[in-house]
Amino acid sequence: WSRVMAELQARVPRNVTLTLIKSTENAKEGKFFLRVEGVAPSMRSVVDLMQRVQASPVFRDISIIDTKRSETNSRVFTFGLDMQVLIMGA
């Protein structure tokens, strides 16, 4: 998992802040998943993060979920990303 976290950290743009990283496992299929939530100054920043994560060999099947303008600050977007994690040697 340290490689996964290092890869994720390297892909997050400077203007994006992650507020949650949650892992789940489908033991039956031997698959691992991450949900990442955070805040960004624009939808473009969220799309930029998604594109950076998609370019990684560690993640696949990335989807944006629950993206909306913050209720408390109209200049901030909250977002979520779901993705499968490919752990080499697992």
Protein backbone atom coordinates (compact mmCIF):
# COMPACT_ATOMS: atom_id res chain seq x y z
CA TRP A 1 0.00 0.00 0.00
CA SER A 2 2.91 2.39 0.48
CA ARG A 3 3.51 2.34 -3.29
CA VAL A 4 -0.17 3.08 -3.89
CA MET A 5 -0.14 6.04 -1.50
CA ALA A 6 3.10 7.41 -2.98
CA GLU A 7 1.66 7.11 -6.48
CA LEU A 8 -1.56 8.85 -5.45
CA GLN A 9 0.36 11.65 -3.74
CA ALA A 10 2.46 12.20 -6.86
CA ARG A 11 -0.71 12.55 -8.98
CA VAL A 12 -2.59 15.10 -6.84
CA PRO A 13 -2.30 18.68 -8.18
CA ARG A 14 -1.06 21.30 -5.71
CA ASN A 15 -4.40 23.11 -5.64
CA VAL A 16 -6.36 19.98 -4.68
CA THR A 17 -6.72 18.78 -1.09
CA LEU A 18 -7.71 15.22 -0.25
CA THR A 19 -9.96 14.89 2.79
CA LEU A 20 -10.62 11.14 2.75
CA ILE A 21 -8.90 8.02 1.43
CA LYS A 22 -10.83 4.81 2.03
CA SER A 23 -9.91 1.34 0.81
CA THR A 24 -12.18 -1.63 0.28
CA GLU A 25 -11.54 -5.16 -0.88
CA ASN A 26 -13.58 -7.63 -2.86
CA ALA A 27 -11.97 -10.75 -1.40
CA LYS A 28 -13.97 -13.06 -3.64
CA GLU A 29 -12.46 -11.48 -6.77
CA GLY A 30 -9.16 -10.45 -5.19
CA LYS A 31 -9.67 -6.79 -6.14
CA PHE A 32 -8.86 -3.65 -4.19
CA PHE A 33 -10.59 -0.28 -4.48
CA LEU A 34 -10.03 3.28 -3.26
CA ARG A 35 -12.47 6.08 -2.69
CA VAL A 36 -10.80 9.47 -2.58
CA GLU A 37 -12.68 12.60 -1.54
CA GLY A 38 -11.47 16.17 -1.44
CA VAL A 39 -11.85 19.81 -2.34
CA ALA A 40 -10.67 21.74 -5.39
CA PRO A 41 -10.94 25.35 -6.59
CA SER A 42 -12.64 24.36 -9.87
CA MET A 43 -14.12 21.49 -11.83
CA ARG A 44 -11.09 21.77 -14.11
CA SER A 45 -8.88 20.85 -11.13
CA VAL A 46 -11.04 17.80 -10.43
CA VAL A 47 -10.79 16.72 -14.07
CA ASP A 48 -7.02 17.33 -13.96
CA LEU A 49 -6.73 15.03 -10.94
CA MET A 50 -8.79 12.35 -12.66
CA GLN A 51 -6.64 12.53 -15.79
CA ARG A 52 -3.44 12.28 -13.74
CA VAL A 53 -4.76 9.26 -11.85
CA GLN A 54 -5.87 7.63 -15.13
CA ALA A 55 -2.32 8.00 -16.48
CA SER A 56 -0.95 5.93 -13.59
CA PRO A 57 -0.23 2.21 -14.01
CA VAL A 58 -1.44 1.65 -10.43
CA PHE A 59 -5.09 2.75 -10.89
CA ARG A 60 -7.86 1.89 -13.34
CA ASP A 61 -11.62 2.25 -13.78
CA ILE A 62 -11.60 5.75 -12.29
CA SER A 63 -14.95 7.49 -11.97
CA ILE A 64 -15.93 10.90 -10.59
CA ILE A 65 -18.72 10.81 -8.02
CA ASP A 66 -20.56 13.34 -5.87
CA THR A 67 -18.92 16.41 -7.40
CA LYS A 68 -20.63 19.69 -6.47
CA ARG A 69 -20.02 23.26 -5.49
CA SER A 70 -19.47 23.61 -1.74
CA GLU A 71 -22.51 24.79 0.21
CA THR A 72 -20.33 26.97 2.44
CA ASN A 73 -17.92 28.42 -0.16
CA SER A 74 -19.04 28.92 -3.76
CA ARG A 75 -15.40 29.03 -4.93
CA VAL A 76 -14.74 25.45 -3.82
CA PHE A 77 -15.86 22.14 -5.31
CA THR A 78 -16.14 18.95 -3.30
CA PHE A 79 -15.59 15.70 -5.15
CA GLY A 80 -15.13 11.97 -4.90
CA LEU A 81 -13.24 9.53 -7.08
CA ASP A 82 -13.65 5.76 -7.09
CA MET A 83 -10.95 3.58 -8.60
CA GLN A 84 -9.59 0.09 -8.69
CA VAL A 85 -6.07 -0.39 -7.36
CA LEU A 86 -3.68 -2.69 -9.18
CA ILE A 87 -1.23 -3.92 -6.58
CA MET A 88 1.70 -5.60 -8.24
CA GLY A 89 2.56 -8.99 -6.81
CA ALA A 90 -0.71 -9.24 -4.89
